């Protein structure tokens, strides 16, 4: 698919005491997402200072591949199953690397 590769930074925060249950569900996303067409990398990070806070760091070949990912069955199921665990609505930032920075 045509387009520039993009990076995604997404944040999700669990209700207090729900981080481990949310993590179990987040971990289920990793393998199928990494196998998706257009996925370059997909990692989920847990905040050391706030263990209820998780970050997704992803790279996709194009925005179109990322948008397809959001409609994939495992992402749709994740949203349905974890709705009650999430304290703050998920925040997704679509980013592009700036290659014009001076060293």
N, C-alpha and C. Protein backbone atom coordinates (compact mmCIF):
# COMPACT_ATOMS: atom_id res chain seq x y z
N UNK A 1 0.84 -1.18 0.00
CA UNK A 1 0.00 0.00 0.00
C UNK A 1 0.88 1.24 0.00
N UNK A 2 0.47 2.27 -0.74
CA UNK A 2 1.27 3.47 -0.79
C UNK A 2 1.15 4.26 0.51
N UNK A 3 2.13 5.11 0.74
CA UNK A 3 2.09 5.96 1.93
C UNK A 3 3.38 5.90 2.68
N UNK A 4 3.54 6.85 3.55
CA UNK A 4 4.74 6.96 4.38
C UNK A 4 4.55 6.15 5.65
N UNK A 5 5.63 5.53 6.12
CA UNK A 5 5.52 4.80 7.37
C UNK A 5 5.19 5.78 8.49
N UNK A 6 4.47 5.28 9.48
CA UNK A 6 4.07 6.11 10.61
C UNK A 6 4.42 5.40 11.91
N UNK A 7 4.54 6.18 12.93
CA UNK A 7 4.75 5.68 14.28
C UNK A 7 3.52 6.06 15.11
N UNK A 8 3.18 5.16 15.99
CA UNK A 8 2.03 5.38 16.86
C UNK A 8 2.51 5.37 18.30
N UNK A 9 2.06 6.34 19.07
CA UNK A 9 2.24 6.33 20.51
C UNK A 9 0.83 6.43 21.08
N UNK A 10 0.43 5.40 21.82
CA UNK A 10 -0.90 5.38 22.40
C UNK A 10 -0.77 5.14 23.90
N UNK A 11 -1.68 5.73 24.65
CA UNK A 11 -1.66 5.60 26.10
C UNK A 11 -2.98 5.03 26.59
N UNK A 12 -2.88 4.16 27.57
CA UNK A 12 -4.07 3.63 28.23
C UNK A 12 -3.76 3.51 29.72
N UNK A 13 -4.73 3.89 30.54
CA UNK A 13 -4.55 3.87 31.99
C UNK A 13 -5.65 3.03 32.62
N UNK A 14 -5.23 2.07 33.42
CA UNK A 14 -6.18 1.20 34.12
C UNK A 14 -6.72 1.89 35.37
N UNK A 15 -7.92 1.49 35.77
CA UNK A 15 -8.41 1.88 37.09
C UNK A 15 -7.45 1.32 38.13
N UNK A 16 -7.35 2.00 39.26
CA UNK A 16 -6.49 1.54 40.35
C UNK A 16 -6.80 0.09 40.68
N UNK A 17 -5.76 -0.72 40.78
CA UNK A 17 -5.92 -2.13 41.12
C UNK A 17 -6.26 -3.03 39.94
N UNK A 18 -6.39 -2.47 38.74
CA UNK A 18 -6.77 -3.26 37.57
C UNK A 18 -5.64 -3.44 36.57
N UNK A 19 -4.43 -2.98 36.90
CA UNK A 19 -3.32 -3.01 35.94
C UNK A 19 -2.98 -4.43 35.49
N UNK A 20 -2.95 -5.38 36.38
CA UNK A 20 -2.58 -6.74 35.98
C UNK A 20 -3.63 -7.37 35.08
N UNK A 21 -4.90 -7.13 35.36
CA UNK A 21 -5.94 -7.67 34.49
C UNK A 21 -5.88 -7.00 33.12
N UNK A 22 -5.67 -5.68 33.11
CA UNK A 22 -5.53 -4.99 31.83
C UNK A 22 -4.31 -5.52 31.09
N UNK A 23 -3.19 -5.72 31.79
CA UNK A 23 -1.98 -6.23 31.14
C UNK A 23 -2.22 -7.58 30.49
N UNK A 24 -2.94 -8.46 31.15
CA UNK A 24 -3.22 -9.79 30.56
C UNK A 24 -3.92 -9.63 29.21
N UNK A 25 -4.82 -8.68 29.13
CA UNK A 25 -5.52 -8.43 27.86
C UNK A 25 -4.62 -7.73 26.84
N UNK A 26 -3.80 -6.80 27.28
CA UNK A 26 -2.87 -6.14 26.37
C UNK A 26 -1.89 -7.14 25.77
N UNK A 27 -1.40 -8.04 26.59
CA UNK A 27 -0.42 -9.04 26.12
C UNK A 27 -0.99 -9.90 25.00
N UNK A 28 -2.30 -10.11 25.01
CA UNK A 28 -2.95 -10.90 23.96
C UNK A 28 -2.92 -10.21 22.60
N UNK A 29 -2.67 -8.91 22.58
CA UNK A 29 -2.62 -8.17 21.31
C UNK A 29 -1.30 -8.32 20.58
N UNK A 30 -0.23 -8.61 21.31
CA UNK A 30 1.11 -8.53 20.74
C UNK A 30 1.32 -9.48 19.57
N UNK A 31 1.16 -10.77 19.78
CA UNK A 31 1.46 -11.74 18.72
C UNK A 31 0.63 -11.53 17.45
N UNK A 32 -0.71 -11.42 17.56
CA UNK A 32 -1.46 -11.24 16.31
C UNK A 32 -1.16 -9.91 15.62
N UNK A 33 -0.87 -8.88 16.39
CA UNK A 33 -0.57 -7.59 15.77
C UNK A 33 0.76 -7.65 15.03
N UNK A 34 1.76 -8.26 15.62
CA UNK A 34 3.06 -8.36 14.96
C UNK A 34 2.99 -9.17 13.67
N UNK A 35 1.98 -10.01 13.52
CA UNK A 35 1.80 -10.82 12.31
C UNK A 35 0.98 -10.10 11.24
N UNK A 36 0.40 -8.97 11.57
CA UNK A 36 -0.45 -8.25 10.63
C UNK A 36 0.37 -7.67 9.48
N UNK A 37 -0.25 -7.65 8.31
CA UNK A 37 0.37 -6.99 7.15
C UNK A 37 0.62 -5.54 7.50
N UNK A 38 1.81 -5.06 7.14
CA UNK A 38 2.13 -3.66 7.34
C UNK A 38 2.74 -3.31 8.70
N UNK A 39 2.74 -4.26 9.64
CA UNK A 39 3.33 -3.96 10.94
C UNK A 39 4.85 -4.10 10.88
N UNK A 40 5.54 -3.09 11.34
CA UNK A 40 7.00 -3.10 11.40
C UNK A 40 7.45 -3.42 12.83
N UNK A 41 6.82 -2.80 13.80
CA UNK A 41 7.12 -3.11 15.20
C UNK A 41 5.92 -2.78 16.07
N UNK A 42 5.85 -3.45 17.21
CA UNK A 42 4.71 -3.27 18.12
C UNK A 42 5.17 -3.65 19.52
N UNK A 43 5.24 -2.67 20.40
CA UNK A 43 5.66 -2.91 21.77
C UNK A 43 4.69 -2.24 22.73
N UNK A 44 4.50 -2.85 23.88
CA UNK A 44 3.69 -2.26 24.94
C UNK A 44 4.61 -2.07 26.14
N UNK A 45 4.60 -0.85 26.66
CA UNK A 45 5.47 -0.47 27.77
C UNK A 45 4.63 -0.14 28.99
N UNK A 46 5.16 -0.45 30.17
CA UNK A 46 4.48 -0.10 31.41
C UNK A 46 5.30 0.98 32.11
N UNK A 47 4.63 2.03 32.53
CA UNK A 47 5.26 3.16 33.21
C UNK A 47 5.83 2.72 34.56
N UNK A 48 7.11 2.97 34.77
CA UNK A 48 7.76 2.58 36.02
C UNK A 48 7.23 3.36 37.22
N UNK A 49 6.84 4.61 37.01
CA UNK A 49 6.35 5.45 38.11
C UNK A 49 4.86 5.34 38.33
N UNK A 50 4.14 4.85 37.35
CA UNK A 50 2.69 4.67 37.47
C UNK A 50 2.32 3.36 36.79
N UNK A 51 2.33 2.25 37.52
CA UNK A 51 2.09 0.94 36.90
C UNK A 51 0.69 0.75 36.30
N UNK A 52 -0.21 1.69 36.54
CA UNK A 52 -1.54 1.62 35.91
C UNK A 52 -1.51 2.19 34.49
N UNK A 53 -0.40 2.78 34.10
CA UNK A 53 -0.28 3.50 32.84
C UNK A 53 0.57 2.68 31.86
N UNK A 54 0.03 2.44 30.66
CA UNK A 54 0.71 1.68 29.61
C UNK A 54 0.83 2.53 28.36
N UNK A 55 1.91 2.31 27.62
CA UNK A 55 2.13 2.98 26.35
C UNK A 55 2.31 1.95 25.25
N UNK A 56 1.70 2.20 24.13
CA UNK A 56 1.94 1.40 22.94
C UNK A 56 2.94 2.19 22.09
N UNK A 57 3.94 1.51 21.57
CA UNK A 57 4.85 2.14 20.61
C UNK A 57 4.85 1.23 19.39
N UNK A 58 4.36 1.76 18.27
CA UNK A 58 4.15 0.96 17.08
C UNK A 58 4.74 1.65 15.86
N UNK A 59 5.11 0.84 14.88
CA UNK A 59 5.49 1.39 13.58
C UNK A 59 4.76 0.58 12.52
N UNK A 60 4.17 1.30 11.58
CA UNK A 60 3.39 0.72 10.49
C UNK A 60 3.91 1.24 9.16
N UNK A 61 3.79 0.43 8.13
CA UNK A 61 4.24 0.83 6.79
C UNK A 61 3.47 2.03 6.27
N UNK A 62 2.21 2.18 6.69
CA UNK A 62 1.40 3.33 6.26
C UNK A 62 0.24 3.51 7.23
N UNK A 63 -0.38 4.66 7.13
CA UNK A 63 -1.56 4.94 7.94
C UNK A 63 -2.68 3.95 7.61
N UNK A 64 -2.77 3.56 6.35
CA UNK A 64 -3.82 2.62 5.93
C UNK A 64 -3.69 1.29 6.65
N UNK A 65 -2.46 0.79 6.79
CA UNK A 65 -2.27 -0.46 7.53
C UNK A 65 -2.67 -0.29 8.99
N UNK A 66 -2.33 0.84 9.60
CA UNK A 66 -2.71 1.08 10.99
C UNK A 66 -4.23 1.13 11.14
N UNK A 67 -4.90 1.80 10.22
CA UNK A 67 -6.35 1.89 10.29
C UNK A 67 -7.00 0.52 10.14
N UNK A 68 -6.43 -0.32 9.30
CA UNK A 68 -6.92 -1.70 9.18
C UNK A 68 -6.74 -2.45 10.50
N UNK A 69 -5.59 -2.22 11.14
CA UNK A 69 -5.31 -2.85 12.43
C UNK A 69 -6.40 -2.53 13.46
N UNK A 70 -6.85 -1.28 13.49
CA UNK A 70 -7.87 -0.87 14.46
C UNK A 70 -9.19 -1.61 14.25
N UNK A 71 -9.42 -2.12 13.05
CA UNK A 71 -10.64 -2.86 12.75
C UNK A 71 -10.46 -4.37 12.84
N UNK A 72 -9.25 -4.82 13.18
CA UNK A 72 -8.99 -6.27 13.25
C UNK A 72 -9.75 -6.89 14.41
N UNK A 73 -10.12 -8.16 14.29
CA UNK A 73 -10.91 -8.81 15.33
C UNK A 73 -10.27 -8.76 16.72
N UNK A 74 -8.95 -8.93 16.80
CA UNK A 74 -8.34 -8.95 18.14
C UNK A 74 -8.36 -7.56 18.79
N UNK A 75 -8.31 -6.49 18.01
CA UNK A 75 -8.40 -5.15 18.59
C UNK A 75 -9.84 -4.84 18.99
N UNK A 76 -10.79 -5.20 18.16
CA UNK A 76 -12.20 -4.99 18.47
C UNK A 76 -12.57 -5.76 19.74
N UNK A 77 -12.15 -7.01 19.84
CA UNK A 77 -12.42 -7.82 21.04
C UNK A 77 -11.78 -7.21 22.27
N UNK A 78 -10.53 -6.74 22.15
CA UNK A 78 -9.84 -6.11 23.26
C UNK A 78 -10.66 -4.93 23.78
N UNK A 79 -11.13 -4.08 22.89
CA UNK A 79 -11.91 -2.91 23.30
C UNK A 79 -13.18 -3.29 24.04
N UNK A 80 -13.82 -4.33 23.59
CA UNK A 80 -15.07 -4.78 24.22
C UNK A 80 -14.80 -5.36 25.60
N UNK A 81 -13.76 -6.17 25.71
CA UNK A 81 -13.46 -6.90 26.95
C UNK A 81 -12.86 -6.00 28.02
N UNK A 82 -12.13 -4.97 27.65
CA UNK A 82 -11.41 -4.16 28.63
C UNK A 82 -12.08 -2.84 28.99
N UNK A 83 -13.19 -2.56 28.38
CA UNK A 83 -13.87 -1.27 28.59
C UNK A 83 -13.98 -0.92 30.07
N UNK A 84 -14.35 -1.86 30.91
CA UNK A 84 -14.55 -1.60 32.34
C UNK A 84 -13.24 -1.45 33.13
N UNK A 85 -12.10 -1.78 32.52
CA UNK A 85 -10.80 -1.71 33.20
C UNK A 85 -10.10 -0.37 33.00
N UNK A 86 -10.56 0.41 32.04
CA UNK A 86 -9.84 1.61 31.61
C UNK A 86 -10.40 2.86 32.29
N UNK A 87 -9.48 3.59 32.97
CA UNK A 87 -9.87 4.77 33.72
C UNK A 87 -9.93 6.03 32.87
N UNK A 88 -9.03 6.14 31.90
CA UNK A 88 -8.92 7.33 31.05
C UNK A 88 -9.04 6.87 29.60
N UNK A 89 -9.85 7.54 28.80
CA UNK A 89 -9.97 7.12 27.40
C UNK A 89 -8.60 7.00 26.73
N UNK A 90 -8.46 6.02 25.87
CA UNK A 90 -7.21 5.78 25.16
C UNK A 90 -6.87 7.01 24.32
N UNK A 91 -5.63 7.40 24.38
CA UNK A 91 -5.15 8.54 23.58
C UNK A 91 -4.17 8.00 22.56
N UNK A 92 -4.43 8.27 21.29
CA UNK A 92 -3.58 7.77 20.20
C UNK A 92 -2.99 8.96 19.46
N UNK A 93 -1.66 8.95 19.31
CA UNK A 93 -0.96 9.96 18.53
C UNK A 93 -0.32 9.29 17.32
N UNK A 94 -0.68 9.76 16.12
CA UNK A 94 -0.04 9.30 14.89
C UNK A 94 1.09 10.25 14.59
N UNK A 95 2.28 9.69 14.41
CA UNK A 95 3.49 10.51 14.29
C UNK A 95 4.29 10.14 13.07
N UNK A 96 5.10 11.08 12.64
CA UNK A 96 6.06 10.82 11.57
C UNK A 96 7.43 11.27 12.07
N UNK A 97 8.47 10.51 11.78
CA UNK A 97 9.80 10.93 12.21
C UNK A 97 10.23 12.19 11.46
N UNK A 98 10.90 13.06 12.15
CA UNK A 98 11.47 14.25 11.51
C UNK A 98 12.92 13.92 11.18
N UNK A 99 13.21 13.90 9.91
CA UNK A 99 14.56 13.55 9.48
C UNK A 99 15.39 14.77 9.15
N UNK A 100 14.82 15.95 9.36
CA UNK A 100 15.53 17.17 9.02
C UNK A 100 16.27 17.79 10.21
N UNK A 101 16.34 17.07 11.33
CA UNK A 101 17.04 17.58 12.51
C UNK A 101 18.54 17.55 12.28
N UNK A 102 19.21 18.55 12.79
CA UNK A 102 20.66 18.62 12.67
C UNK A 102 21.30 17.82 13.79
N UNK A 103 22.39 17.16 13.48
CA UNK A 103 23.09 16.33 14.48
C UNK A 103 23.81 17.19 15.49
